[in-house]
Amino acid sequence: MGRYTKPAREFKDTELVQQHIRLAGQAVAQYAAENYEVEMEQRLDSNSSENGNYQLEFDSPLEAVCWVWWMALRRIDTFCRMDIELERQLLVEVCGVKYVLNFAFVPTAQRRQERPDIVWPRVGIELDGHAFHEKTREQATYRNQRDRALQQAGWTLFYFSFDEFTKEPFHSLFEIVEHLRESYGTLIYGDRSKQMGKYLPLA
């Protein structure tokens, strides 16, 4: 510490510093928002996924909305960025029958490599895009049978209607993330699971 300097904390509560913390925060938020919007438009235009290992394809605008909000969560939540990935159109085979999930959460390749011994939670998302796909009685029966088979195979499925998800997309996804955070946290971090960081500044 220099001859005339003081610890930073002595300046933290001054009006000038507080004012500029707020101004800098607004500038960062605006910059991040603008860059996020540009990136999402570019990714959708080029069909580029977040990890680059698959092409973006959706059945409906609702699935695209889900992916856009997932990308936002990855920016602000450490767990979403480091521990889990969102897979689209995951093919699941149960008793010789193949089913497809709209989206499923899976551990990142790094987590799978670090802990090959772990039986990871099986969690899927089903979005009811009834505004774009009418369901016949046969389709509804198939979905119910499929859901029972998946649940018996250990899958936890989260359902969201079109109206519910579009009105509360962040809370809908975050509900699943919190469920996964608790499950993964115990598996990965054991007793230290409560120390898992949630939010970091936008990268």
N, C-alpha and C. Protein backbone atom coordinates (compact mmCIF):
# COMPACT_ATOMS: atom_id res chain seq x y z
N MET A 1 0.85 -1.19 0.00
CA MET A 1 0.00 0.00 0.00
C MET A 1 0.89 1.24 0.00
N GLY A 2 0.58 2.18 -0.91
CA GLY A 2 1.38 3.40 -1.01
C GLY A 2 1.22 4.30 0.20
N ARG A 3 2.05 5.30 0.25
CA ARG A 3 2.09 6.20 1.42
C ARG A 3 0.76 6.92 1.65
N TYR A 4 0.08 7.31 0.55
CA TYR A 4 -1.14 8.11 0.71
C TYR A 4 -2.41 7.34 0.33
N THR A 5 -2.28 6.06 0.03
CA THR A 5 -3.45 5.30 -0.39
C THR A 5 -4.22 4.75 0.79
N LYS A 6 -5.48 4.40 0.52
CA LYS A 6 -6.36 3.82 1.55
C LYS A 6 -6.99 2.56 0.97
N PRO A 7 -7.44 1.67 1.82
CA PRO A 7 -8.12 0.46 1.32
C PRO A 7 -9.34 0.85 0.49
N ALA A 8 -9.61 0.07 -0.54
CA ALA A 8 -10.71 0.38 -1.47
C ALA A 8 -12.05 0.52 -0.76
N ARG A 9 -12.26 -0.27 0.30
CA ARG A 9 -13.56 -0.23 0.98
C ARG A 9 -13.89 1.14 1.55
N GLU A 10 -12.87 1.95 1.79
CA GLU A 10 -13.13 3.28 2.33
C GLU A 10 -13.74 4.21 1.29
N PHE A 11 -13.66 3.83 0.03
CA PHE A 11 -14.25 4.64 -1.03
C PHE A 11 -15.59 4.09 -1.53
N LYS A 12 -15.88 2.87 -1.14
CA LYS A 12 -17.05 2.18 -1.69
C LYS A 12 -18.35 2.95 -1.48
N ASP A 13 -18.55 3.52 -0.30
CA ASP A 13 -19.83 4.14 0.02
C ASP A 13 -19.90 5.63 -0.31
N THR A 14 -18.87 6.17 -0.95
CA THR A 14 -18.95 7.59 -1.30
C THR A 14 -19.96 7.76 -2.42
N GLU A 15 -20.62 8.91 -2.44
CA GLU A 15 -21.68 9.15 -3.42
C GLU A 15 -21.16 9.05 -4.85
N LEU A 16 -19.95 9.56 -5.11
CA LEU A 16 -19.40 9.54 -6.45
C LEU A 16 -19.17 8.11 -6.93
N VAL A 17 -18.57 7.29 -6.09
CA VAL A 17 -18.29 5.91 -6.47
C VAL A 17 -19.58 5.13 -6.66
N GLN A 18 -20.55 5.31 -5.74
CA GLN A 18 -21.82 4.62 -5.87
C GLN A 18 -22.54 5.01 -7.17
N GLN A 19 -22.49 6.30 -7.49
CA GLN A 19 -23.13 6.78 -8.71
C GLN A 19 -22.52 6.11 -9.94
N HIS A 20 -21.20 5.99 -9.94
CA HIS A 20 -20.54 5.42 -11.12
C HIS A 20 -20.61 3.90 -11.16
N ILE A 21 -20.79 3.28 -10.03
CA ILE A 21 -21.08 1.83 -10.04
C ILE A 21 -22.39 1.59 -10.78
N ARG A 22 -23.41 2.41 -10.45
CA ARG A 22 -24.70 2.28 -11.12
C ARG A 22 -24.59 2.57 -12.61
N LEU A 23 -23.89 3.63 -12.97
CA LEU A 23 -23.75 4.00 -14.38
C LEU A 23 -22.99 2.93 -15.16
N ALA A 24 -21.91 2.42 -14.56
CA ALA A 24 -21.13 1.38 -15.22
C ALA A 24 -21.96 0.11 -15.38
N GLY A 25 -22.76 -0.20 -14.35
CA GLY A 25 -23.63 -1.37 -14.42
C GLY A 25 -24.63 -1.26 -15.56
N GLN A 26 -25.19 -0.07 -15.72
CA GLN A 26 -26.15 0.15 -16.81
C GLN A 26 -25.46 0.01 -18.17
N ALA A 27 -24.23 0.53 -18.26
CA ALA A 27 -23.50 0.45 -19.52
C ALA A 27 -23.18 -1.00 -19.87
N VAL A 28 -22.76 -1.78 -18.88
CA VAL A 28 -22.46 -3.19 -19.11
C VAL A 28 -23.72 -3.94 -19.53
N ALA A 29 -24.84 -3.68 -18.83
CA ALA A 29 -26.09 -4.36 -19.15
C ALA A 29 -26.54 -4.04 -20.57
N GLN A 30 -26.44 -2.77 -20.94
CA GLN A 30 -26.85 -2.37 -22.29
C GLN A 30 -25.95 -3.01 -23.34
N TYR A 31 -24.65 -3.01 -23.09
CA TYR A 31 -23.69 -3.60 -24.03
C TYR A 31 -23.96 -5.10 -24.17
N ALA A 32 -24.16 -5.78 -23.03
CA ALA A 32 -24.40 -7.22 -23.06
C ALA A 32 -25.71 -7.53 -23.79
N ALA A 33 -26.75 -6.73 -23.54
CA ALA A 33 -28.04 -6.95 -24.18
C ALA A 33 -27.94 -6.82 -25.69
N GLU A 34 -27.27 -5.77 -26.13
CA GLU A 34 -27.13 -5.54 -27.57
C GLU A 34 -26.35 -6.68 -28.22
N ASN A 35 -25.26 -7.11 -27.58
CA ASN A 35 -24.46 -8.18 -28.14
C ASN A 35 -25.19 -9.52 -28.11
N TYR A 36 -25.99 -9.74 -27.07
CA TYR A 36 -26.78 -10.97 -26.99
C TYR A 36 -27.78 -11.03 -28.14
N GLU A 37 -28.48 -9.94 -28.37
CA GLU A 37 -29.48 -9.91 -29.44
C GLU A 37 -28.85 -10.17 -30.80
N VAL A 38 -27.71 -9.55 -31.05
CA VAL A 38 -27.01 -9.75 -32.31
C VAL A 38 -26.58 -11.21 -32.45
N GLU A 39 -26.02 -11.77 -31.37
CA GLU A 39 -25.55 -13.15 -31.42
C GLU A 39 -26.69 -14.13 -31.67
N MET A 40 -27.84 -13.94 -30.99
CA MET A 40 -28.97 -14.85 -31.18
C MET A 40 -29.48 -14.80 -32.61
N GLU A 41 -29.57 -13.61 -33.17
CA GLU A 41 -30.03 -13.49 -34.56
C GLU A 41 -29.06 -14.17 -35.51
N GLN A 42 -27.77 -14.01 -35.25
CA GLN A 42 -26.76 -14.64 -36.11
C GLN A 42 -26.81 -16.16 -35.98
N ARG A 43 -26.97 -16.65 -34.76
CA ARG A 43 -27.01 -18.11 -34.55
C ARG A 43 -28.25 -18.72 -35.21
N LEU A 44 -29.39 -18.07 -35.03
CA LEU A 44 -30.61 -18.58 -35.65
C LEU A 44 -30.50 -18.53 -37.18
N ASP A 45 -29.89 -17.48 -37.67
CA ASP A 45 -29.74 -17.33 -39.12
C ASP A 45 -28.80 -18.38 -39.70
N SER A 46 -27.79 -18.76 -38.94
CA SER A 46 -26.80 -19.71 -39.45
C SER A 46 -27.00 -21.13 -38.91
N ASN A 47 -28.08 -21.33 -38.11
CA ASN A 47 -28.37 -22.64 -37.52
C ASN A 47 -27.24 -23.13 -36.62
N SER A 48 -26.61 -22.22 -35.90
CA SER A 48 -25.43 -22.56 -35.10
C SER A 48 -25.79 -22.73 -33.63
N SER A 49 -25.54 -23.92 -33.09
CA SER A 49 -25.85 -24.20 -31.69
C SER A 49 -24.80 -23.60 -30.77
N GLU A 50 -25.07 -23.64 -29.46
CA GLU A 50 -24.17 -23.01 -28.50
C GLU A 50 -22.81 -23.70 -28.42
N ASN A 51 -22.78 -25.02 -28.60
CA ASN A 51 -21.50 -25.73 -28.50
C ASN A 51 -20.97 -26.16 -29.86
N GLY A 52 -21.71 -25.85 -30.91
CA GLY A 52 -21.23 -26.13 -32.25
C GLY A 52 -21.25 -27.58 -32.69
N ASN A 53 -21.80 -28.49 -31.86
CA ASN A 53 -21.76 -29.90 -32.24
C ASN A 53 -23.06 -30.38 -32.88
N TYR A 54 -23.99 -29.48 -33.13
CA TYR A 54 -25.19 -29.86 -33.88
C TYR A 54 -25.79 -28.60 -34.52
N GLN A 55 -26.61 -28.84 -35.51
CA GLN A 55 -27.28 -27.75 -36.21
C GLN A 55 -28.62 -27.46 -35.52
N LEU A 56 -28.95 -26.19 -35.42
CA LEU A 56 -30.21 -25.81 -34.81
C LEU A 56 -31.37 -26.14 -35.73
N GLU A 57 -32.31 -26.92 -35.23
CA GLU A 57 -33.54 -27.24 -35.95
C GLU A 57 -34.67 -27.29 -34.93
N PHE A 58 -35.80 -26.70 -35.28
CA PHE A 58 -36.93 -26.64 -34.35
C PHE A 58 -38.21 -27.07 -35.06
N ASP A 59 -39.16 -27.53 -34.26
CA ASP A 59 -40.47 -27.91 -34.80
C ASP A 59 -41.44 -26.74 -34.81
N SER A 60 -41.16 -25.74 -33.97
CA SER A 60 -42.11 -24.63 -33.84
C SER A 60 -41.38 -23.40 -33.29
N PRO A 61 -41.99 -22.22 -33.43
CA PRO A 61 -41.41 -21.03 -32.82
C PRO A 61 -41.24 -21.17 -31.31
N LEU A 62 -42.11 -21.96 -30.66
CA LEU A 62 -42.00 -22.13 -29.21
C LEU A 62 -40.69 -22.81 -28.83
N GLU A 63 -40.25 -23.78 -29.62
CA GLU A 63 -38.96 -24.42 -29.34
C GLU A 63 -37.82 -23.42 -29.53
N ALA A 64 -37.93 -22.57 -30.53
CA ALA A 64 -36.90 -21.55 -30.73
C ALA A 64 -36.85 -20.59 -29.55
N VAL A 65 -38.02 -20.24 -29.02
CA VAL A 65 -38.10 -19.36 -27.85
C VAL A 65 -37.42 -20.01 -26.65
N CYS A 66 -37.67 -21.30 -26.46
CA CYS A 66 -37.05 -22.03 -25.35
C CYS A 66 -35.53 -21.97 -25.47
N TRP A 67 -35.01 -22.20 -26.66
CA TRP A 67 -33.57 -22.18 -26.87
C TRP A 67 -32.98 -20.79 -26.61
N VAL A 68 -33.68 -19.75 -27.06
CA VAL A 68 -33.20 -18.37 -26.86
C VAL A 68 -33.06 -18.07 -25.37
N TRP A 69 -34.05 -18.49 -24.58
CA TRP A 69 -34.00 -18.24 -23.13
C TRP A 69 -32.95 -19.11 -22.44
N TRP A 70 -32.75 -20.32 -22.97
CA TRP A 70 -31.69 -21.16 -22.43
C TRP A 70 -30.32 -20.50 -22.64
N MET A 71 -30.12 -19.92 -23.80
CA MET A 71 -28.87 -19.23 -24.07
C MET A 71 -28.68 -18.05 -23.12
N ALA A 72 -29.77 -17.37 -22.79
CA ALA A 72 -29.68 -16.26 -21.84
C ALA A 72 -29.28 -16.78 -20.46
N LEU A 73 -29.87 -17.90 -20.04
CA LEU A 73 -29.53 -18.48 -18.74
C LEU A 73 -28.05 -18.87 -18.68
N ARG A 74 -27.53 -19.37 -19.78
CA ARG A 74 -26.11 -19.76 -19.80
C ARG A 74 -25.20 -18.57 -19.55
N ARG A 75 -25.66 -17.38 -19.93
CA ARG A 75 -24.83 -16.19 -19.76
C ARG A 75 -24.74 -15.75 -18.31
N ILE A 76 -25.77 -16.00 -17.53
CA ILE A 76 -25.82 -15.45 -16.17
C ILE A 76 -25.71 -16.50 -15.07
N ASP A 77 -25.75 -17.78 -15.44
CA ASP A 77 -25.76 -18.83 -14.43
C ASP A 77 -24.58 -19.76 -14.65
N THR A 78 -23.70 -19.83 -13.67
CA THR A 78 -22.49 -20.64 -13.78
C THR A 78 -22.80 -22.11 -14.00
N PHE A 79 -23.77 -22.62 -13.30
CA PHE A 79 -24.15 -24.03 -13.40
C PHE A 79 -24.59 -24.37 -14.82
N CYS A 80 -25.41 -23.51 -15.41
CA CYS A 80 -25.89 -23.75 -16.77
C CYS A 80 -24.74 -23.73 -17.78
N ARG A 81 -23.77 -22.93 -17.51
CA ARG A 81 -22.65 -22.78 -18.44
C ARG A 81 -21.63 -23.91 -18.28
N MET A 82 -21.41 -24.38 -17.06
CA MET A 82 -20.32 -25.30 -16.79
C MET A 82 -20.74 -26.77 -16.67
N ASP A 83 -21.96 -27.00 -16.21
CA ASP A 83 -22.33 -28.37 -15.82
C ASP A 83 -23.36 -29.05 -16.71
N ILE A 84 -24.23 -28.30 -17.35
CA ILE A 84 -25.30 -28.94 -18.12
C ILE A 84 -25.42 -28.35 -19.52
N GLU A 85 -25.99 -29.15 -20.41
CA GLU A 85 -26.26 -28.73 -21.78
C GLU A 85 -27.72 -29.06 -22.10
N LEU A 86 -28.24 -28.37 -23.08
CA LEU A 86 -29.60 -28.62 -23.54
C LEU A 86 -29.53 -29.32 -24.88
N GLU A 87 -30.03 -30.55 -24.93
CA GLU A 87 -30.05 -31.31 -26.18
C GLU A 87 -31.44 -31.28 -26.77
N ARG A 88 -31.52 -31.04 -28.07
CA ARG A 88 -32.79 -30.99 -28.74
C ARG A 88 -33.07 -32.31 -29.44
N GLN A 89 -34.36 -32.72 -29.47
CA GLN A 89 -34.80 -33.92 -30.17
C GLN A 89 -33.97 -35.14 -29.75
N LEU A 90 -33.87 -35.33 -28.43
CA LEU A 90 -33.10 -36.46 -27.91
C LEU A 90 -33.88 -37.76 -28.13
N LEU A 91 -33.23 -38.73 -28.74
CA LEU A 91 -33.84 -40.03 -28.99
C LEU A 91 -33.60 -40.94 -27.80
N VAL A 92 -34.68 -41.44 -27.21
CA VAL A 92 -34.60 -42.29 -26.02
C VAL A 92 -35.29 -43.62 -26.34
N GLU A 93 -34.60 -44.71 -26.06
CA GLU A 93 -35.17 -46.04 -26.30
C GLU A 93 -35.55 -46.70 -24.99
N VAL A 94 -36.81 -47.11 -24.88
CA VAL A 94 -37.31 -47.77 -23.67
C VAL A 94 -37.99 -49.07 -24.10
N CYS A 95 -37.45 -50.19 -23.62
CA CYS A 95 -38.02 -51.51 -23.93
C CYS A 95 -38.20 -51.70 -25.44
N GLY A 96 -37.21 -51.29 -26.19
CA GLY A 96 -37.25 -51.50 -27.63
C GLY A 96 -38.05 -50.48 -28.42
N VAL A 97 -38.67 -49.54 -27.71
CA VAL A 97 -39.46 -48.50 -28.38
C VAL A 97 -38.70 -47.18 -28.30
N LYS A 98 -38.62 -46.48 -29.43
CA LYS A 98 -37.88 -45.22 -29.47
C LYS A 98 -38.83 -44.03 -29.35
N TYR A 99 -38.45 -43.09 -28.48
CA TYR A 99 -39.23 -41.88 -28.26
C TYR A 99 -38.32 -40.66 -28.45
N VAL A 100 -38.92 -39.55 -28.80
CA VAL A 100 -38.16 -38.32 -29.01
C VAL A 100 -38.67 -37.25 -28.05
N LEU A 101 -37.74 -36.62 -27.32
CA LEU A 101 -38.08 -35.52 -26.42
C LEU A 101 -37.79 -34.19 -27.10
N ASN A 102 -38.64 -33.19 -26.85
CA ASN A 102 -38.38 -31.85 -27.39
C ASN A 102 -36.97 -31.39 -27.00
N PHE A 103 -36.71 -31.42 -25.70
CA PHE A 103 -35.40 -31.04 -25.17
C PHE A 103 -35.08 -31.92 -23.96
N ALA A 104 -33.80 -32.12 -23.72
CA ALA A 104 -33.37 -32.83 -22.52
C ALA A 104 -32.11 -32.17 -21.99
N PHE A 105 -31.99 -32.15 -20.67
CA PHE A 105 -30.78 -31.64 -20.04
C PHE A 105 -29.81 -32.80 -19.84
N VAL A 106 -28.58 -32.60 -20.22
CA VAL A 106 -27.55 -33.64 -20.06
C VAL A 106 -26.30 -32.99 -19.47
N PRO A 107 -25.47 -33.77 -18.80
CA PRO A 107 -24.21 -33.20 -18.29
C PRO A 107 -23.29 -32.83 -19.44
N THR A 108 -22.48 -31.82 -19.24
CA THR A 108 -21.51 -31.44 -20.27
C THR A 108 -20.52 -32.58 -20.47
N ALA A 109 -19.85 -32.56 -21.62
CA ALA A 109 -18.85 -33.60 -21.92
C ALA A 109 -17.77 -33.63 -20.85
N GLN A 110 -17.42 -32.47 -20.34
CA GLN A 110 -16.39 -32.41 -19.30
C GLN A 110 -16.85 -33.12 -18.04
N ARG A 111 -18.10 -32.89 -17.65
CA ARG A 111 -18.61 -33.54 -16.44
C ARG A 111 -18.70 -35.05 -16.65
N ARG A 112 -19.14 -35.48 -17.83
CA ARG A 112 -19.23 -36.91 -18.10
C ARG A 112 -17.86 -37.57 -18.05
N GLN A 113 -16.87 -36.86 -18.56
CA GLN A 113 -15.51 -37.40 -18.57
C GLN A 113 -14.93 -37.46 -17.16
N GLU A 114 -15.22 -36.42 -16.37
CA GLU A 114 -14.71 -36.39 -15.00
C GLU A 114 -15.34 -37.45 -14.11
N ARG A 115 -16.64 -37.69 -14.34
CA ARG A 115 -17.37 -38.64 -13.47
C ARG A 115 -18.11 -39.69 -14.28
N PRO A 116 -17.39 -40.61 -14.92
CA PRO A 116 -18.05 -41.65 -15.71
C PRO A 116 -18.84 -42.64 -14.85
N ASP A 117 -18.60 -42.61 -13.54
CA ASP A 117 -19.26 -43.53 -12.62
C ASP A 117 -20.67 -43.08 -12.25
N ILE A 118 -21.02 -41.84 -12.55
CA ILE A 118 -22.29 -41.27 -12.09
C ILE A 118 -23.44 -41.66 -13.02
N VAL A 119 -24.56 -42.03 -12.42
CA VAL A 119 -25.81 -42.18 -13.16
C VAL A 119 -26.51 -40.82 -13.09
N TRP A 120 -26.45 -40.07 -14.17
CA TRP A 120 -26.95 -38.70 -14.17
C TRP A 120 -28.47 -38.66 -14.21
N PRO A 121 -29.06 -37.66 -13.57
CA PRO A 121 -30.52 -37.50 -13.62
C PRO A 121 -31.00 -37.36 -15.06
N ARG A 122 -32.14 -37.94 -15.36
CA ARG A 122 -32.73 -37.85 -16.70
C ARG A 122 -33.89 -36.87 -16.64
N VAL A 123 -33.69 -35.73 -17.25
CA VAL A 123 -34.69 -34.66 -17.18
C VAL A 123 -34.99 -34.13 -18.57
N GLY A 124 -36.27 -34.10 -18.92
CA GLY A 124 -36.67 -33.63 -20.24
C GLY A 124 -37.69 -32.52 -20.15
N ILE A 125 -37.80 -31.76 -21.24
CA ILE A 125 -38.78 -30.69 -21.35
C ILE A 125 -39.69 -31.01 -22.53
N GLU A 126 -40.99 -30.91 -22.29
CA GLU A 126 -41.96 -31.05 -23.37
C GLU A 126 -42.76 -29.77 -23.46
N LEU A 127 -42.76 -29.18 -24.64
CA LEU A 127 -43.47 -27.93 -24.88
C LEU A 127 -44.72 -28.21 -25.70
N ASP A 128 -45.84 -27.73 -25.21
CA ASP A 128 -47.11 -27.94 -25.90
C ASP A 128 -47.31 -26.82 -26.90
N GLY A 129 -46.87 -27.04 -28.12
CA GLY A 129 -47.04 -26.01 -29.14
C GLY A 129 -48.37 -26.14 -29.85
N HIS A 130 -49.47 -26.22 -29.05
CA HIS A 130 -50.78 -26.46 -29.65
C HIS A 130 -51.20 -25.35 -30.60
N ALA A 131 -50.56 -24.19 -30.46
CA ALA A 131 -50.89 -23.10 -31.37
C ALA A 131 -50.40 -23.42 -32.79
N PHE A 132 -49.49 -24.41 -32.89
CA PHE A 132 -48.93 -24.72 -34.20
C PHE A 132 -49.20 -26.16 -34.62
N HIS A 133 -49.49 -27.04 -33.67
CA HIS A 133 -49.74 -28.44 -34.00
C HIS A 133 -51.00 -28.91 -33.27
N GLU A 134 -52.04 -29.21 -34.01
CA GLU A 134 -53.24 -29.75 -33.40
C GLU A 134 -53.00 -31.22 -33.05
N LYS A 135 -53.48 -31.64 -31.88
CA LYS A 135 -53.30 -33.02 -31.45
C LYS A 135 -54.60 -33.80 -31.68
N THR A 136 -54.47 -34.94 -32.34
CA THR A 136 -55.62 -35.82 -32.50
C THR A 136 -55.73 -36.70 -31.25
N ARG A 137 -56.81 -37.45 -31.15
CA ARG A 137 -56.98 -38.36 -30.02
C ARG A 137 -55.88 -39.40 -30.01
N GLU A 138 -55.51 -39.87 -31.20
CA GLU A 138 -54.44 -40.87 -31.30
C GLU A 138 -53.10 -40.29 -30.84
N GLN A 139 -52.83 -39.04 -31.21
CA GLN A 139 -51.59 -38.40 -30.80
C GLN A 139 -51.54 -38.22 -29.29
N ALA A 140 -52.67 -37.86 -28.70
CA ALA A 140 -52.73 -37.68 -27.25
C ALA A 140 -52.50 -39.01 -26.54
N THR A 141 -53.11 -40.08 -27.07
CA THR A 141 -52.93 -41.41 -26.47
C THR A 141 -51.47 -41.84 -26.54
N TYR A 142 -50.86 -41.63 -27.71
CA TYR A 142 -49.44 -41.98 -27.87
C TYR A 142 -48.58 -41.22 -26.88
N ARG A 143 -48.85 -39.91 -26.72
CA ARG A 143 -48.05 -39.11 -25.80
C ARG A 143 -48.19 -39.61 -24.38
N ASN A 144 -49.39 -39.96 -23.97
CA ASN A 144 -49.60 -40.47 -22.60
C ASN A 144 -48.86 -41.79 -22.39
N GLN A 145 -48.92 -42.67 -23.37
CA GLN A 145 -48.21 -43.95 -23.26
C GLN A 145 -46.70 -43.74 -23.22
N ARG A 146 -46.24 -42.83 -24.06
CA ARG A 146 -44.81 -42.52 -24.09
C ARG A 146 -44.35 -41.95 -22.75
N ASP A 147 -45.15 -41.06 -22.16
CA ASP A 147 -44.78 -40.44 -20.90
C ASP A 147 -44.68 -41.46 -19.78
N ARG A 148 -45.61 -42.38 -19.74
CA ARG A 148 -45.57 -43.42 -18.71
C ARG A 148 -44.32 -44.28 -18.86
N ALA A 149 -43.98 -44.63 -20.10
CA ALA A 149 -42.79 -45.45 -20.36
C ALA A 149 -41.52 -44.71 -19.94
N LEU A 150 -41.45 -43.43 -20.27
CA LEU A 150 -40.27 -42.64 -19.92
C LEU A 150 -40.15 -42.48 -18.40
N GLN A 151 -41.25 -42.26 -17.73
CA GLN A 151 -41.21 -42.11 -16.28
C GLN A 151 -40.77 -43.41 -15.62
N GLN A 152 -41.23 -44.54 -16.14
CA GLN A 152 -40.81 -45.83 -15.59
C GLN A 152 -39.32 -46.07 -15.84
N ALA A 153 -38.78 -45.44 -16.89
CA ALA A 153 -37.36 -45.59 -17.19
C ALA A 153 -36.51 -44.57 -16.43
N GLY A 154 -37.13 -43.80 -15.54
CA GLY A 154 -36.37 -42.88 -14.70
C GLY A 154 -36.32 -41.45 -15.17
N TRP A 155 -37.11 -41.10 -16.17
CA TRP A 155 -37.11 -39.73 -16.68
C TRP A 155 -38.07 -38.87 -15.89
N THR A 156 -37.64 -37.64 -15.60
CA THR A 156 -38.51 -36.62 -15.04
C THR A 156 -38.83 -35.64 -16.16
N LEU A 157 -40.11 -35.47 -16.45
CA LEU A 157 -40.52 -34.61 -17.56
C LEU A 157 -41.21 -33.36 -17.03
N PHE A 158 -40.81 -32.23 -17.56
CA PHE A 158 -41.43 -30.95 -17.23
C PHE A 158 -42.25 -30.50 -18.44
N TYR A 159 -43.55 -30.26 -18.21
CA TYR A 159 -44.42 -29.83 -19.29
C TYR A 159 -44.77 -28.36 -19.15
N PHE A 160 -44.80 -27.68 -20.27
CA PHE A 160 -45.22 -26.28 -20.29
C PHE A 160 -46.13 -26.04 -21.48
N SER A 161 -47.25 -25.38 -21.22
CA SER A 161 -48.14 -25.01 -22.31
C SER A 161 -47.55 -23.82 -23.05
N PHE A 162 -48.08 -23.55 -24.22
CA PHE A 162 -47.63 -22.41 -25.01
C PHE A 162 -47.78 -21.11 -24.22
N ASP A 163 -48.96 -20.90 -23.63
CA ASP A 163 -49.22 -19.66 -22.90
C ASP A 163 -48.32 -19.54 -21.67
N GLU A 164 -48.17 -20.64 -20.94
CA GLU A 164 -47.36 -20.60 -19.71
C GLU A 164 -45.91 -20.26 -20.03
N PHE A 165 -45.36 -20.92 -21.04
CA PHE A 165 -43.94 -20.70 -21.32
C PHE A 165 -43.67 -19.32 -21.89
N THR A 166 -44.52 -18.87 -22.80
CA THR A 166 -44.26 -17.56 -23.41
C THR A 166 -44.49 -16.41 -22.44
N LYS A 167 -45.32 -16.62 -21.43
CA LYS A 167 -45.54 -15.58 -20.43
C LYS A 167 -44.44 -15.56 -19.37
N GLU A 168 -43.91 -16.73 -19.04
CA GLU A 168 -42.88 -16.81 -17.98
C GLU A 168 -41.74 -17.72 -18.43
N PRO A 169 -41.05 -17.38 -19.52
CA PRO A 169 -40.00 -18.29 -20.03
C PRO A 169 -38.83 -18.46 -19.08
N PHE A 170 -38.40 -17.37 -18.46
CA PHE A 170 -37.25 -17.46 -17.55
C PHE A 170 -37.59 -18.34 -16.35
N HIS A 171 -38.74 -18.10 -15.74
CA HIS A 171 -39.12 -18.87 -14.54
C HIS A 171 -39.40 -20.32 -14.90
N SER A 172 -39.94 -20.56 -16.09
CA SER A 172 -40.20 -21.94 -16.49
C SER A 172 -38.90 -22.73 -16.58
N LEU A 173 -37.91 -22.18 -17.27
CA LEU A 173 -36.62 -22.86 -17.39
C LEU A 173 -35.90 -22.92 -16.06
N PHE A 174 -35.97 -21.85 -15.29
CA PHE A 174 -35.23 -21.81 -14.03
C PHE A 174 -35.77 -22.83 -13.03
N GLU A 175 -37.06 -23.14 -13.13
CA GLU A 175 -37.64 -24.19 -12.28
C GLU A 175 -36.93 -25.51 -12.52
N ILE A 176 -36.66 -25.82 -13.78
CA ILE A 176 -35.96 -27.06 -14.12
C ILE A 176 -34.50 -26.98 -13.68
N VAL A 177 -33.89 -25.84 -13.92
CA VAL A 177 -32.48 -25.66 -13.56
C VAL A 177 -32.27 -25.84 -12.06
N GLU A 178 -33.16 -25.30 -11.26
CA GLU A 178 -33.04 -25.46 -9.80
C GLU A 178 -33.18 -26.93 -9.39
N HIS A 179 -34.07 -27.65 -10.06
CA HIS A 179 -34.21 -29.09 -9.81
C HIS A 179 -32.91 -29.81 -10.14
N LEU A 180 -32.32 -29.45 -11.28
CA LEU A 180 -31.07 -30.07 -11.70
C LEU A 180 -29.90 -29.64 -10.82
N ARG A 181 -29.90 -28.38 -10.42
CA ARG A 181 -28.82 -27.87 -9.58
C ARG A 181 -28.72 -28.69 -8.29
N GLU A 182 -29.87 -28.99 -7.72
CA GLU A 182 -29.88 -29.77 -6.48
C GLU A 182 -29.38 -31.19 -6.73
N SER A 183 -29.85 -31.80 -7.82
CA SER A 183 -29.45 -33.18 -8.13
C SER A 183 -27.98 -33.27 -8.50
N TYR A 184 -27.55 -32.42 -9.43
CA TYR A 184 -26.17 -32.44 -9.87
C TYR A 184 -25.22 -32.00 -8.77
N GLY A 185 -25.66 -31.02 -8.00
CA GLY A 185 -24.80 -30.49 -6.95
C GLY A 185 -24.36 -31.56 -5.98
N THR A 186 -25.29 -32.40 -5.58
CA THR A 186 -24.96 -33.47 -4.64
C THR A 186 -24.02 -34.48 -5.29
N LEU A 187 -24.29 -34.79 -6.57
CA LEU A 187 -23.45 -35.78 -7.26
C LEU A 187 -22.04 -35.27 -7.50
N ILE A 188 -21.93 -34.01 -7.92
CA ILE A 188 -20.63 -33.46 -8.30
C ILE A 188 -19.85 -32.93 -7.12
N TYR A 189 -20.56 -32.20 -6.25
CA TYR A 189 -19.86 -31.48 -5.19
C TYR A 189 -20.05 -32.06 -3.80
N GLY A 190 -20.94 -33.03 -3.66
CA GLY A 190 -21.17 -33.63 -2.35
C GLY A 190 -21.65 -32.61 -1.34
N ASP A 191 -20.99 -32.56 -0.20
CA ASP A 191 -21.40 -31.65 0.88
C ASP A 191 -21.18 -30.19 0.51
N ARG A 192 -20.39 -29.93 -0.54
CA ARG A 192 -20.13 -28.55 -0.95
C ARG A 192 -21.15 -28.04 -1.97
N SER A 193 -22.23 -28.81 -2.19
CA SER A 193 -23.17 -28.46 -3.25
C SER A 193 -23.83 -27.10 -3.02
N LYS A 194 -23.99 -26.71 -1.77
CA LYS A 194 -24.64 -25.43 -1.49
C LYS A 194 -23.74 -24.25 -1.86
N GLN A 195 -22.47 -24.54 -2.12
CA GLN A 195 -21.54 -23.46 -2.49
C GLN A 195 -21.51 -23.22 -4.00
N MET A 196 -22.31 -23.98 -4.75
CA MET A 196 -22.30 -23.83 -6.20
C MET A 196 -22.74 -22.42 -6.57
N GLY A 197 -21.92 -21.74 -7.37
CA GLY A 197 -22.25 -20.37 -7.76
C GLY A 197 -23.39 -20.31 -8.74
N LYS A 198 -24.27 -19.34 -8.60
CA LYS A 198 -25.40 -19.19 -9.51
C LYS A 198 -25.12 -18.15 -10.57
N TYR A 199 -24.82 -16.95 -10.13
CA TYR A 199 -24.74 -15.87 -11.09
C TYR A 199 -23.34 -15.28 -11.16
N LEU A 200 -22.90 -15.06 -12.37
CA LEU A 200 -21.65 -14.36 -12.61
C LEU A 200 -21.94 -13.27 -13.62
N PRO A 201 -21.08 -12.27 -13.70
CA PRO A 201 -21.27 -11.24 -14.72
C PRO A 201 -21.30 -11.88 -16.11
N LEU A 202 -21.99 -11.25 -17.03
CA LEU A 202 -22.06 -11.77 -18.39
C LEU A 202 -20.66 -11.85 -18.97
N ALA A 203 -20.36 -12.98 -19.59
CA ALA A 203 -19.02 -13.18 -20.15
C ALA A 203 -18.97 -12.66 -21.57
